Amino acid sequence: MAKYDVAIIGSGPGGYVAAIRAGELGLKTLVVEKDPFLGGTCLHVGCIPTKVLLHHADVYDHFKNAEELGFEIPGVKINWPNILARKTKIVNKHAKGIEFLFKKNKVEWKQGWGKYEGPGKISVEKDGKKETIEAGAILMVSGSEAKSLPGIEPDHKTIVTNRSILELPEIPKTLIVIGAGAVGVEFASIYNSFGTQVTILEALPRVVPVEDEEISAELEKTFKKKGIAVQTGCMVDGVKKDAKGVTVSFKDKDGKAQTLQAEKLLLAVGRKAMTDNCGLEKSKAKVERGFVHVNQFMETAEPGLYAIGDIVAGLPQLAHAAMMEGIVAVTHIAGKPTHTINKLRIPNATYCEPQIGSIGMTEKQAREAGYTVKTGKFPFVGNSKATILGNHGGFIKVVTNEQYGEVLGIHIIGPLATEILSEAAAVLNLEGTIDDMMNMIHAHPTVWEAMGDAFASVRGLQINV
């Protein structure tokens, strides 16, 4: 019977990062993956292919506005098959990259269905054959899948999920998106750029509901200017397929019954943990609605059994969160000192247009936590590089503890928000203050320097507005 220091079930971002770090720490490591390729949802049907399409949509937007930039590009056409081919090429390149890194760090991997079989044991099943493997520690990284609504099941042709929408052979003329979280607004942004008439239906009172309220309001305003119809506070009653596509019945925020028709319907109503048939019932691990409870080192109530990523209760379903959770888990398994995960130090990045980046507390959360809050806000209209880029909508909002100047949260909507978010993450992780950041020299002209004005705005000392 094969014996490893750690067996990892799942090769998504959390799983492959954990495996590589385990290899670097000298642990004999095995990864079990149900698919014939490495990388999981994020690489193959999530983060990476979606961002490829978003980049292509951004390039196309530049072509559409070429005249303003001094170029004449008549007759620009979208070659959708070529766009999809480039998406696939990028995904395959990075999947091969993970295989290379596994070899470099002496990480082994097997294809098959991995399952917990009790303390120190897992099974791997493939083609009806089952193998038992011993491991000193087991790390469950089984991931998540798209949720459906009651009575509305995707057929992956007309009613699609984040997976099947990536393979549509043609750009639809009309699209209804149910759900205005990150997945919903990103696909709405992509297809709006490519000429699709998009309508978003959201049950909650605002779009991107995990973000600061001012960010939500700005995104909705900008989407409507772009021609994306947005209805919040509405409840979907049912969906009927017909020769033209789908008809969605719903009640709007005033309770009035309405219907909408479109070629395609995207279900973007969240994700559920994939913990069924993983053997967790054979452990002491606490599982609630499919989500696994862990301690500060990502260990379950079953000694030696760890869980990370989208299946963990109370942590966001984000690839970069899973990556760090994996590092914490295997470092603890290796018996070496490690930090723990602070939920308020996990950044959010949403790649719609305009982009959104945030970290820490929203203004409302900070007030509810008892802080005496002081905020500052700097609009990108005052940033010269944003004007050069022709993308000067949005703002940076800084939430602080007025008493000490401690930065509690930073919320960005606008050009390169997901990139300049790096400074925001550094500030919060280093427990920086407004005064620290006001004394920092920001390069000019950059979109990034808007961060300096945003920090100064808390004191009323911003320069460029």
Foldseek 3Di string as FASTA:
>chain_A
DAEWQEEEEAQALLRLLLLLLLLVLVTAYEYEAQDPFHHPCCLQQRVQLLVLLLVVLVVLLCVVVVVVVPDDDPPDDDPVVVSLVVSVVVSVVVRVVSVVSCVVSVYHYDHAHWADDAQQWIWGDDPRDIDIYGHSFYEYEQAWDADDDVPDDDPLAAENESRSVSVHPDQWQEEEEEAQALSRQSVLQSSLSVNHQYEYEEQAQFHNVVAFPVVRVQVQVVCVVSRYHYFYNKAWDDWDQDPQGIKTWIAGNVRHIDIDDTNHYYYDHDIAADPPPRHCVNFPWDADSQATEADQLQHGPGPRYGYFAPRHPPADRDSVRSSVSSSSNSCVSSVHDDGGDDRQLDKDWRSRVQTKIKGFDHQVRCVVVPAPKFKFKDFQVLAVVCVVVVKGGWIKMWIARVVFQFTGMIITTTPPNVPLCVVVSVSVVVRHGLVVLLPDDDDPRDSNCSVNQRSVRSVPRRDRD
